[in-house]
Each structure stands twice: as structure tokens, then as C-alpha cells.
Protein backbone atom coordinates (compact mmCIF):
# COMPACT_ATOMS: atom_id res chain seq x y z
CA MET A 1 55.33 33.22 -85.37
CA LEU A 2 53.71 35.48 -87.93
CA VAL A 3 56.68 35.05 -90.25
CA VAL A 4 56.41 31.26 -89.92
CA LEU A 5 52.66 31.34 -90.52
CA ASN A 6 53.25 33.51 -93.56
CA GLU A 7 55.92 31.16 -94.95
CA LEU A 8 53.63 28.18 -94.47
CA GLY A 9 50.76 29.98 -96.20
CA TYR A 10 48.47 30.17 -93.17
CA LEU A 11 48.12 33.94 -92.99
CA MET A 12 45.92 34.15 -96.04
CA ASN A 13 43.80 31.04 -96.17
CA LYS A 14 40.14 30.21 -96.44
CA HIS A 15 39.48 31.88 -93.08
CA PHE A 16 40.83 35.30 -94.13
CA THR A 17 39.87 36.71 -97.50
CA ASN A 18 41.84 39.88 -96.91
CA LYS A 19 44.54 41.27 -94.64
CA GLN A 20 42.13 43.39 -92.60
CA GLN A 21 40.20 40.30 -91.51
CA LEU A 22 43.45 38.80 -90.24
CA VAL A 23 44.36 42.01 -88.39
CA ASN A 24 40.88 42.11 -86.82
CA ALA A 25 41.27 38.51 -85.63
CA LEU A 26 44.72 39.23 -84.18
CA GLU A 27 43.42 42.33 -82.39
CA THR A 28 40.49 40.40 -80.96
CA THR A 29 42.93 37.83 -79.58
CA PHE A 30 45.91 39.98 -78.59
CA GLY A 31 44.63 43.55 -78.32
CA ASP A 32 46.30 46.46 -80.09
CA ILE A 33 48.86 45.12 -82.58
CA GLY A 34 49.56 48.36 -84.42
CA SER A 35 48.69 49.23 -87.97
CA ARG A 36 48.00 46.65 -90.66
CA GLN A 37 50.62 48.21 -92.90
CA ASN A 38 53.35 48.04 -90.24
CA LEU A 39 52.45 44.46 -89.39
CA PHE A 40 52.78 43.21 -92.96
CA THR A 41 55.81 45.40 -93.68
CA TYR A 42 57.54 43.77 -90.72
CA VAL A 43 56.55 40.25 -91.80
CA ASP A 44 57.76 40.87 -95.36
CA ARG A 45 61.00 42.54 -94.27
CA TYR A 46 61.81 39.86 -91.71
CA SER A 47 61.06 37.10 -94.21
CA ASP A 48 63.38 38.62 -96.79
CA ALA A 49 66.49 39.32 -94.72
CA PRO A 50 66.88 37.26 -91.55
CA GLY A 51 70.33 36.62 -90.15
CA PRO A 52 71.71 33.14 -89.36
CA ALA A 53 70.36 33.15 -85.79
CA ASP A 54 66.97 34.34 -87.04
CA LEU A 55 66.90 31.58 -89.66
CA GLU A 56 67.52 28.98 -86.95
CA GLU A 57 64.76 30.46 -84.82
CA LEU A 58 62.36 30.43 -87.78
CA LYS A 59 63.29 26.82 -88.51
CA ARG A 60 62.56 25.81 -84.89
CA HIS A 61 59.23 27.65 -84.82
CA LYS A 62 58.23 26.21 -88.17
CA GLN A 63 58.96 22.65 -87.02
CA ARG A 64 57.10 23.15 -83.72
CA LEU A 65 54.08 24.46 -85.59
CA LEU A 66 54.15 21.63 -88.13
CA ASP A 67 54.46 19.10 -85.29
CA ALA A 68 51.49 20.66 -83.49
CA ILE A 69 49.40 20.60 -86.67
CA SER A 70 50.34 16.97 -87.30
CA LYS A 71 49.49 15.99 -83.73
CA ALA A 72 46.14 17.78 -83.89
CA SER A 73 45.34 16.07 -87.19
CA GLN A 74 46.21 12.66 -85.77
CA GLN A 75 44.05 13.27 -82.70
CA SER A 76 41.18 14.44 -84.85
CA PHE A 77 41.50 11.36 -87.05
CA ALA A 78 41.62 9.07 -83.98
CA ASN A 79 38.51 10.75 -82.53
CA ASN A 80 36.61 10.27 -85.78
CA THR A 81 37.38 6.56 -86.18
């Protein structure tokens, strides 16, 4: 999921001005996630060299996330009208 969020540009957005803020938010939600450096090294490495099965998995996760965002946006719009 982190790789998908990174590819879609959500890891560094208006809510996180630096990587440490993101790591702090992840740790608050999920507990110990390891070092910041290892986290971003993994995300970068996985983004650069996934295999065919990994690419399919990323594609599925990306579409599920985009669908969820679209649905949430539509619900928000419907609630505000």
C-alpha cells in the first residue's frame, strides 16, 4: 500500500511536510514500523524493480484505492448538496 500511495503522490502531500511526519503518523496508527530510512529505501526499491506478479498486485491496489477515493468524494459531494 505504501508503494501505491507513493506512486499516486499521497505520501508527501499537504498533510506531511517531511518524511518524519509521515513516519510519526504511521507509528501512531500501526506501532513500530522500523526506521524511516529502511521504510523509504524499501518503498523506493520496490517501486523501481517489481516483478510481473508484483506489478499486477500494485495495479489492483492502486485501482482499489482510486475507487475508494472516488466513492468517498462522491459521498462527500452528495452530503454537501
